[in-house]
C-alpha atoms as a PDB file:
ATOM      1  CA  UNK A   1     127.179  26.293 226.066  1.00  0.00           C
ATOM      2  CA  UNK A   2     126.142  28.037 229.263  1.00  0.00           C
ATOM      3  CA  UNK A   3     127.817  26.415 232.292  1.00  0.00           C
ATOM      4  CA  UNK A   4     125.853  23.780 234.216  1.00  0.00           C
ATOM      5  CA  UNK A   5     125.776  25.142 237.761  1.00  0.00           C
ATOM      6  CA  UNK A   6     124.527  22.873 240.584  1.00  0.00           C
ATOM      7  CA  UNK A   7     121.349  24.214 242.143  1.00  0.00           C
ATOM      8  CA  UNK A   8     120.344  24.211 245.802  1.00  0.00           C
ATOM      9  CA  UNK A   9     117.152  22.429 246.819  1.00  0.00           C
ATOM     10  CA  UNK A  10     113.887  23.944 245.581  1.00  0.00           C
ATOM     11  CA  UNK A  11     112.551  26.786 247.738  1.00  0.00           C
ATOM     12  CA  UNK A  12     109.419  26.086 249.734  1.00  0.00           C
ATOM     13  CA  UNK A  13     106.754  28.483 248.510  1.00  0.00           C
ATOM     14  CA  UNK A  14     103.481  29.196 250.381  1.00  0.00           C
ATOM     15  CA  UNK A  15     100.893  27.927 247.898  1.00  0.00           C
ATOM     16  CA  UNK A  16      97.266  27.908 249.120  1.00  0.00           C
ATOM     17  CA  UNK A  17      95.891  24.368 249.273  1.00  0.00           C
ATOM     18  CA  UNK A  18      92.401  22.900 249.764  1.00  0.00           C
ATOM     19  CA  UNK A  19      91.573  22.164 253.395  1.00  0.00           C
ATOM     20  CA  UNK A  20      94.743  23.683 254.788  1.00  0.00           C
ATOM     21  CA  UNK A  21      94.594  25.893 257.912  1.00  0.00           C
ATOM     22  CA  UNK A  22      97.473  27.980 256.604  1.00  0.00           C
ATOM     23  CA  UNK A  23     100.258  28.214 254.028  1.00  0.00           C
ATOM     24  CA  UNK A  24     101.468  24.880 252.644  1.00  0.00           C
ATOM     25  CA  UNK A  25     103.909  23.928 249.945  1.00  0.00           C
ATOM     26  CA  UNK A  26     101.839  22.414 247.165  1.00  0.00           C
ATOM     27  CA  UNK A  27     101.797  24.095 243.749  1.00  0.00           C
ATOM     28  CA  UNK A  28      98.369  24.559 242.145  1.00  0.00           C
ATOM     29  CA  UNK A  29      97.381  22.678 238.961  1.00  0.00           C
ATOM     30  CA  UNK A  30      98.145  25.756 236.853  1.00  0.00           C
ATOM     31  CA  UNK A  31     101.817  25.531 237.917  1.00  0.00           C
ATOM     32  CA  UNK A  32     102.247  22.531 235.611  1.00  0.00           C
ATOM     33  CA  UNK A  33     105.247  22.617 233.297  1.00  0.00           C
ATOM     34  CA  UNK A  34     105.310  20.822 229.947  1.00  0.00           C
ATOM     35  CA  UNK A  35     107.555  20.332 226.938  1.00  0.00           C
ATOM     36  CA  UNK A  36     106.105  21.292 223.555  1.00  0.00           C
ATOM     37  CA  UNK A  37     107.659  19.245 220.736  1.00  0.00           C
ATOM     38  CA  UNK A  38     107.508  20.311 217.080  1.00  0.00           C
ATOM     39  CA  UNK A  39     108.692  18.529 213.966  1.00  0.00           C
ATOM     40  CA  UNK A  40     110.916  21.006 212.158  1.00  0.00           C
ATOM     41  CA  UNK A  41     109.619  22.284 208.856  1.00  0.00           C
ATOM     42  CA  UNK A  42     110.953  20.090 206.040  1.00  0.00           C
ATOM     43  CA  UNK A  43     112.239  17.360 208.396  1.00  0.00           C
ATOM     44  CA  UNK A  44     109.449  14.780 208.019  1.00  0.00           C
ATOM     45  CA  UNK A  45     111.427  12.442 205.731  1.00  0.00           C
ATOM     46  CA  UNK A  46     114.585  12.735 207.846  1.00  0.00           C
ATOM     47  CA  UNK A  47     112.687  12.043 211.072  1.00  0.00           C
ATOM     48  CA  UNK A  48     111.028   8.972 209.564  1.00  0.00           C
ATOM     49  CA  UNK A  49     114.493   7.456 209.159  1.00  0.00           C
ATOM     50  CA  UNK A  50     116.203   8.657 212.341  1.00  0.00           C
ATOM     51  CA  UNK A  51     113.243   7.793 214.588  1.00  0.00           C
ATOM     52  CA  UNK A  52     113.173   4.273 213.130  1.00  0.00           C
ATOM     53  CA  UNK A  53     116.822   3.647 214.045  1.00  0.00           C
ATOM     54  CA  UNK A  54     116.455   5.195 217.517  1.00  0.00           C
ATOM     55  CA  UNK A  55     118.238   8.512 216.905  1.00  0.00           C
ATOM     56  CA  UNK A  56     115.320  10.765 217.706  1.00  0.00           C
ATOM     57  CA  UNK A  57     114.685  13.443 215.113  1.00  0.00           C
ATOM     58  CA  UNK A  58     115.042  17.049 214.040  1.00  0.00           C
ATOM     59  CA  UNK A  59     112.781  18.783 216.536  1.00  0.00           C
ATOM     60  CA  UNK A  60     112.088  22.205 217.906  1.00  0.00           C
ATOM     61  CA  UNK A  61     111.074  22.261 221.574  1.00  0.00           C
ATOM     62  CA  UNK A  62     109.839  24.821 224.061  1.00  0.00           C
ATOM     63  CA  UNK A  63     108.977  24.894 227.768  1.00  0.00           C
ATOM     64  CA  UNK A  64     105.362  25.639 228.673  1.00  0.00           C
ATOM     65  CA  UNK A  65     104.994  27.332 232.049  1.00  0.00           C
ATOM     66  CA  UNK A  66     102.340  29.736 233.339  1.00  0.00           C
ATOM     67  CA  UNK A  67     100.365  30.067 230.081  1.00  0.00           C
ATOM     68  CA  UNK A  68     103.347  30.826 227.815  1.00  0.00           C
ATOM     69  CA  UNK A  69     105.985  28.832 225.921  1.00  0.00           C
ATOM     70  CA  UNK A  70     109.696  29.689 226.080  1.00  0.00           C
ATOM     71  CA  UNK A  71     112.497  28.521 223.817  1.00  0.00           C
ATOM     72  CA  UNK A  72     115.883  29.486 222.403  1.00  0.00           C
ATOM     73  CA  UNK A  73     117.221  30.188 218.924  1.00  0.00           C
ATOM     74  CA  UNK A  74     119.728  32.110 216.855  1.00  0.00           C
ATOM     75  CA  UNK A  75     119.616  35.899 216.977  1.00  0.00           C
ATOM     76  CA  UNK A  76     122.063  38.386 215.488  1.00  0.00           C
ATOM     77  CA  UNK A  77     121.971  40.592 218.577  1.00  0.00           C
ATOM     78  CA  UNK A  78     120.662  40.276 222.124  1.00  0.00           C
ATOM     79  CA  UNK A  79     119.167  37.275 223.828  1.00  0.00           C
ATOM     80  CA  UNK A  80     118.245  34.086 222.017  1.00  0.00           C
ATOM     81  CA  UNK A  81     115.432  33.340 224.490  1.00  0.00           C
ATOM     82  CA  UNK A  82     112.005  34.022 223.030  1.00  0.00           C
ATOM     83  CA  UNK A  83     108.342  33.504 223.910  1.00  0.00           C
ATOM     84  CA  UNK A  84     105.283  32.385 221.939  1.00  0.00           C
ATOM     85  CA  UNK A  85     101.719  31.381 222.837  1.00  0.00           C
ATOM     86  CA  UNK A  86     101.602  27.719 223.835  1.00  0.00           C
ATOM     87  CA  UNK A  87     101.806  25.333 220.888  1.00  0.00           C
ATOM     88  CA  UNK A  88     102.066  28.114 218.309  1.00  0.00           C
ATOM     89  CA  UNK A  89     105.726  28.172 217.273  1.00  0.00           C
ATOM     90  CA  UNK A  90     106.160  28.769 213.543  1.00  0.00           C
ATOM     91  CA  UNK A  91     109.428  26.831 213.405  1.00  0.00           C
ATOM     92  CA  UNK A  92     107.688  23.500 212.944  1.00  0.00           C
ATOM     93  CA  UNK A  93     104.494  21.475 213.124  1.00  0.00           C
ATOM     94  CA  UNK A  94     103.270  20.694 216.638  1.00  0.00           C
ATOM     95  CA  UNK A  95     103.951  17.038 217.457  1.00  0.00           C
ATOM     96  CA  UNK A  96     103.197  16.409 221.130  1.00  0.00           C
ATOM     97  CA  UNK A  97     103.066  17.783 224.669  1.00  0.00           C
ATOM     98  CA  UNK A  98     105.012  16.072 227.470  1.00  0.00           C
ATOM     99  CA  UNK A  99     104.123  16.956 231.055  1.00  0.00           C
ATOM    100  CA  UNK A 100     107.098  17.505 233.370  1.00  0.00           C
ATOM    101  CA  UNK A 101     105.102  18.037 236.572  1.00  0.00           C
ATOM    102  CA  UNK A 102     104.494  21.168 238.616  1.00  0.00           C
ATOM    103  CA  UNK A 103     107.075  23.779 239.510  1.00  0.00           C
ATOM    104  CA  UNK A 104     107.314  24.928 243.147  1.00  0.00           C
ATOM    105  CA  UNK A 105     108.280  28.400 241.900  1.00  0.00           C
ATOM    106  CA  UNK A 106     105.567  31.083 241.728  1.00  0.00           C
ATOM    107  CA  UNK A 107     105.463  33.304 238.631  1.00  0.00           C
ATOM    108  CA  UNK A 108     107.797  36.034 239.850  1.00  0.00           C
ATOM    109  CA  UNK A 109     110.484  33.452 240.664  1.00  0.00           C
ATOM    110  CA  UNK A 110     110.066  31.867 237.233  1.00  0.00           C
ATOM    111  CA  UNK A 111     110.669  35.263 235.658  1.00  0.00           C
ATOM    112  CA  UNK A 112     113.776  35.698 237.820  1.00  0.00           C
ATOM    113  CA  UNK A 113     115.037  32.428 236.333  1.00  0.00           C
ATOM    114  CA  UNK A 114     114.147  33.599 232.823  1.00  0.00           C
ATOM    115  CA  UNK A 115     115.907  36.922 233.378  1.00  0.00           C
ATOM    116  CA  UNK A 116     119.094  35.010 234.198  1.00  0.00           C
ATOM    117  CA  UNK A 117     118.694  32.719 231.195  1.00  0.00           C
ATOM    118  CA  UNK A 118     118.168  35.671 228.862  1.00  0.00           C
ATOM    119  CA  UNK A 119     121.582  36.974 229.881  1.00  0.00           C
ATOM    120  CA  UNK A 120     123.288  33.571 229.822  1.00  0.00           C
ATOM    121  CA  UNK A 121     121.923  32.429 226.437  1.00  0.00           C
ATOM    122  CA  UNK A 122     122.662  35.153 223.815  1.00  0.00           C
ATOM    123  CA  UNK A 123     121.354  34.477 220.346  1.00  0.00           C
ATOM    124  CA  UNK A 124     124.744  34.614 218.639  1.00  0.00           C
ATOM    125  CA  UNK A 125     125.937  31.595 220.666  1.00  0.00           C
ATOM    126  CA  UNK A 126     123.231  29.336 219.251  1.00  0.00           C
ATOM    127  CA  UNK A 127     124.625  26.178 217.649  1.00  0.00           C
ATOM    128  CA  UNK A 128     122.304  23.600 216.085  1.00  0.00           C
ATOM    129  CA  UNK A 129     124.347  20.725 217.548  1.00  0.00           C
ATOM    130  CA  UNK A 130     126.046  22.006 220.702  1.00  0.00           C
ATOM    131  CA  UNK A 131     123.723  24.709 222.064  1.00  0.00           C
ATOM    132  CA  UNK A 132     120.192  24.542 220.735  1.00  0.00           C
ATOM    133  CA  UNK A 133     116.595  24.723 221.928  1.00  0.00           C
ATOM    134  CA  UNK A 134     116.782  21.226 223.413  1.00  0.00           C
ATOM    135  CA  UNK A 135     119.756  22.112 225.600  1.00  0.00           C
ATOM    136  CA  UNK A 136     118.026  25.320 226.682  1.00  0.00           C
ATOM    137  CA  UNK A 137     114.822  23.514 227.641  1.00  0.00           C
ATOM    138  CA  UNK A 138     116.762  20.955 229.652  1.00  0.00           C
ATOM    139  CA  UNK A 139     118.478  23.739 231.609  1.00  0.00           C
ATOM    140  CA  UNK A 140     115.277  25.741 232.073  1.00  0.00           C
ATOM    141  CA  UNK A 141     113.354  22.716 233.352  1.00  0.00           C
ATOM    142  CA  UNK A 142     116.205  21.940 235.752  1.00  0.00           C
ATOM    143  CA  UNK A 143     115.956  25.425 237.233  1.00  0.00           C
ATOM    144  CA  UNK A 144     112.191  25.054 237.568  1.00  0.00           C
ATOM    145  CA  UNK A 145     112.721  22.037 239.880  1.00  0.00           C
ATOM    146  CA  UNK A 146     110.136  19.947 238.054  1.00  0.00           C
ATOM    147  CA  UNK A 147     110.060  16.205 238.815  1.00  0.00           C
ATOM    148  CA  UNK A 148     110.067  15.172 235.138  1.00  0.00           C
ATOM    149  CA  UNK A 149     113.041  15.210 232.778  1.00  0.00           C
ATOM    150  CA  UNK A 150     113.444  16.111 229.127  1.00  0.00           C
ATOM    151  CA  UNK A 151     113.374  12.836 227.114  1.00  0.00           C
ATOM    152  CA  UNK A 152     116.782  11.885 225.739  1.00  0.00           C
ATOM    153  CA  UNK A 153     115.424  11.516 222.193  1.00  0.00           C
ATOM    154  CA  UNK A 154     114.819  15.279 222.041  1.00  0.00           C
ATOM    155  CA  UNK A 155     118.561  16.036 221.734  1.00  0.00           C
ATOM    156  CA  UNK A 156     119.829  12.609 220.638  1.00  0.00           C
ATOM    157  CA  UNK A 157     120.170  13.463 216.940  1.00  0.00           C
ATOM    158  CA  UNK A 158     122.069  16.691 217.688  1.00  0.00           C
ATOM    159  CA  UNK A 159     124.357  14.937 220.174  1.00  0.00           C
ATOM    160  CA  UNK A 160     125.042  12.141 217.681  1.00  0.00           C
ATOM    161  CA  UNK A 161     125.840  14.662 214.971  1.00  0.00           C
ATOM    162  CA  UNK A 162     128.175  16.545 217.304  1.00  0.00           C
ATOM    163  CA  UNK A 163     129.950  13.292 218.224  1.00  0.00           C
ATOM    164  CA  UNK A 164     130.370  12.353 214.559  1.00  0.00           C
ATOM    165  CA  UNK A 165     131.743  15.783 213.689  1.00  0.00           C
ATOM    166  CA  UNK A 166     134.370  15.413 216.424  1.00  0.00           C
ATOM    167  CA  UNK A 167     135.272  11.857 215.394  1.00  0.00           C
ATOM    168  CA  UNK A 168     135.743  12.781 211.726  1.00  0.00           C
ATOM    169  CA  UNK A 169     137.188  16.232 212.415  1.00  0.00           C
ATOM    170  CA  UNK A 170     134.446  18.081 210.557  1.00  0.00           C
ATOM    171  CA  UNK A 171     133.818  21.659 211.645  1.00  0.00           C
ATOM    172  CA  UNK A 172     130.123  22.345 212.160  1.00  0.00           C
ATOM    173  CA  UNK A 173     130.487  25.711 213.826  1.00  0.00           C
ATOM    174  CA  UNK A 174     127.181  27.574 213.654  1.00  0.00           C
ATOM    175  CA  UNK A 175     128.516  30.874 214.960  1.00  0.00           C
ATOM    176  CA  UNK A 176     129.116  32.479 211.570  1.00  0.00           C
ATOM    177  CA  UNK A 177     128.231  36.009 212.644  1.00  0.00           C
ATOM    178  CA  UNK A 178     129.843  37.880 215.478  1.00  0.00           C
ATOM    179  CA  UNK A 179     128.157  40.828 217.186  1.00  0.00           C
ATOM    180  CA  UNK A 180     128.615  42.769 220.368  1.00  0.00           C
ATOM    181  CA  UNK A 181     125.819  42.478 222.936  1.00  0.00           C
ATOM    182  CA  UNK A 182     124.742  45.159 225.332  1.00  0.00           C
ATOM    183  CA  UNK A 183     124.361  43.360 228.642  1.00  0.00           C
ATOM    184  CA  UNK A 184     122.472  46.119 230.450  1.00  0.00           C
ATOM    185  CA  UNK A 185     119.430  47.247 228.475  1.00  0.00           C
ATOM    186  CA  UNK A 186     116.394  48.411 230.411  1.00  0.00           C
ATOM    187  CA  UNK A 187     112.774  48.908 229.412  1.00  0.00           C
ATOM    188  CA  UNK A 188     113.205  52.711 229.580  1.00  0.00           C
ATOM    189  CA  UNK A 189     115.359  52.487 226.427  1.00  0.00           C
ATOM    190  CA  UNK A 190     112.787  50.653 224.309  1.00  0.00           C
ATOM    191  CA  UNK A 191     111.911  53.638 222.086  1.00  0.00           C
ATOM    192  CA  UNK A 192     115.575  54.382 221.454  1.00  0.00           C
ATOM    193  CA  UNK A 193     116.245  50.699 220.731  1.00  0.00           C
ATOM    194  CA  UNK A 194     113.287  50.551 218.377  1.00  0.00           C
ATOM    195  CA  UNK A 195     114.915  53.117 216.104  1.00  0.00           C
ATOM    196  CA  UNK A 196     118.461  51.818 216.478  1.00  0.00           C
ATOM    197  CA  UNK A 197     117.962  48.054 216.840  1.00  0.00           C
ATOM    198  CA  UNK A 198     114.442  46.764 216.081  1.00  0.00           C
ATOM    199  CA  UNK A 199     115.368  43.141 216.868  1.00  0.00           C
ATOM    200  CA  UNK A 200     116.449  43.860 220.430  1.00  0.00           C
ATOM    201  CA  UNK A 201     113.510  46.235 220.907  1.00  0.00           C
ATOM    202  CA  UNK A 202     111.090  43.521 219.762  1.00  0.00           C
ATOM    203  CA  UNK A 203     112.573  41.078 222.287  1.00  0.00           C
ATOM    204  CA  UNK A 204     112.217  43.634 225.078  1.00  0.00           C
ATOM    205  CA  UNK A 205     108.615  44.448 224.194  1.00  0.00           C
ATOM    206  CA  UNK A 206     107.755  40.734 224.132  1.00  0.00           C
ATOM    207  CA  UNK A 207     109.488  40.306 227.490  1.00  0.00           C
ATOM    208  CA  UNK A 208     107.429  43.089 229.076  1.00  0.00           C
ATOM    209  CA  UNK A 209     104.227  41.740 227.529  1.00  0.00           C
ATOM    210  CA  UNK A 210     104.978  38.220 228.796  1.00  0.00           C
ATOM    211  CA  UNK A 211     105.279  39.494 232.370  1.00  0.00           C
ATOM    212  CA  UNK A 212     102.061  41.488 232.223  1.00  0.00           C
ATOM    213  CA  UNK A 213     100.175  38.586 230.645  1.00  0.00           C
ATOM    214  CA  UNK A 214     101.471  36.029 233.141  1.00  0.00           C
ATOM    215  CA  UNK A 215     100.886  38.066 236.281  1.00  0.00           C
ATOM    216  CA  UNK A 216      97.366  38.993 235.236  1.00  0.00           C
ATOM    217  CA  UNK A 217      96.524  35.335 234.599  1.00  0.00           C
ATOM    218  CA  UNK A 218      98.170  34.291 237.872  1.00  0.00           C
ATOM    219  CA  UNK A 219      96.275  36.856 239.919  1.00  0.00           C
ATOM    220  CA  UNK A 220      93.000  35.699 238.374  1.00  0.00           C
ATOM    221  CA  UNK A 221      93.819  32.031 238.926  1.00  0.00           C
ATOM    222  CA  UNK A 222      94.852  32.565 242.562  1.00  0.00           C
ATOM    223  CA  UNK A 223      91.702  34.581 243.250  1.00  0.00           C
ATOM    224  CA  UNK A 224      89.536  31.911 241.610  1.00  0.00           C
ATOM    225  CA  UNK A 225      91.173  29.153 243.669  1.00  0.00           C
ATOM    226  CA  UNK A 226      90.530  31.159 246.825  1.00  0.00           C
ATOM    227  CA  UNK A 227      86.869  31.724 245.963  1.00  0.00           C
ATOM    228  CA  UNK A 228      86.347  28.058 245.066  1.00  0.00           C
ATOM    229  CA  UNK A 229      87.738  26.913 248.400  1.00  0.00           C
ATOM    230  CA  UNK A 230      85.643  29.442 250.294  1.00  0.00           C
ATOM    231  CA  UNK A 231      82.510  28.165 248.526  1.00  0.00           C
ATOM    232  CA  UNK A 232      83.101  24.606 249.735  1.00  0.00           C
ATOM    233  CA  UNK A 233      83.784  25.783 253.279  1.00  0.00           C
ATOM    234  CA  UNK A 234      87.527  25.203 253.335  1.00  0.00           C
ATOM    235  CA  UNK A 235      89.543  27.203 255.828  1.00  0.00           C
ATOM    236  CA  UNK A 236      92.040  29.141 253.750  1.00  0.00           C
ATOM    237  CA  UNK A 237      94.037  32.325 253.940  1.00  0.00           C
ATOM    238  CA  UNK A 238      93.637  35.072 251.355  1.00  0.00           C
ATOM    239  CA  UNK A 239      95.603  34.345 248.161  1.00  0.00           C
ATOM    240  CA  UNK A 240      99.191  35.662 248.309  1.00  0.00           C
ATOM    241  CA  UNK A 241      98.649  38.205 245.520  1.00  0.00           C
ATOM    242  CA  UNK A 242     101.961  39.844 246.374  1.00  0.00           C
ATOM    243  CA  UNK A 243     103.553  36.910 244.520  1.00  0.00           C
ATOM    244  CA  UNK A 244     101.891  37.884 241.287  1.00  0.00           C
ATOM    245  CA  UNK A 245     103.693  41.137 240.548  1.00  0.00           C
ATOM    246  CA  UNK A 246     106.847  41.497 238.424  1.00  0.00           C
ATOM    247  CA  UNK A 247     110.065  42.749 239.919  1.00  0.00           C
ATOM    248  CA  UNK A 248     111.033  46.265 238.710  1.00  0.00           C
ATOM    249  CA  UNK A 249     114.486  45.160 237.454  1.00  0.00           C
ATOM    250  CA  UNK A 250     113.322  42.037 235.651  1.00  0.00           C
ATOM    251  CA  UNK A 251     114.750  42.886 232.235  1.00  0.00           C
ATOM    252  CA  UNK A 252     117.295  40.166 231.547  1.00  0.00           C
ATOM    253  CA  UNK A 253     118.638  41.435 228.246  1.00  0.00           C
END
């Protein structure tokens, strides 16, 4: 599993706020982060038993932040981090949404975090007990500095299974396929990757789309907040639109 590195305190970001004479440090409502929980396909009967005895269940989870949902899974090559529209993962049936509070990070800082995670969480290191989507979401939410925590029942069944496998000496290694990973792939190589490695190319195209989608929505939301406050006579500065542009090296493959 990727190492758990202690983080410094959350950075103070200049979010515009109603009634403020200048920059303050309060995230807007659209900076809310949430956990999307899905019941894995075919796991309904299993979950009925494990949930009853307090072991959680077989779930897929993703982190919702800035209009998109991010998660982690097995991939033969490249990163295991992937993105879907909120609540629309095909891995399972949507179960519930758990709010984790607002992140103090603006969109470009969130994508910096994601770029790091894409490098640190390659798909071939996925393990359904020791390094799965639940562990990824816990780490991602930690780096978003949200006040809420991932509920323990999300990973309880996997952690129990891992403990039992160690107690009884059963090997449950999920890394059956080994593959080399190119750690420095940029967007300028997408066409070449598409012909040589469609899986990695697909991940890169989704990554570029996610940035464009998020920054467009963020610019619109910041502009709308600014106009709403001006209409009610609040004294506000112009929205910090410079925050809503992706960094040129934000590839993270």
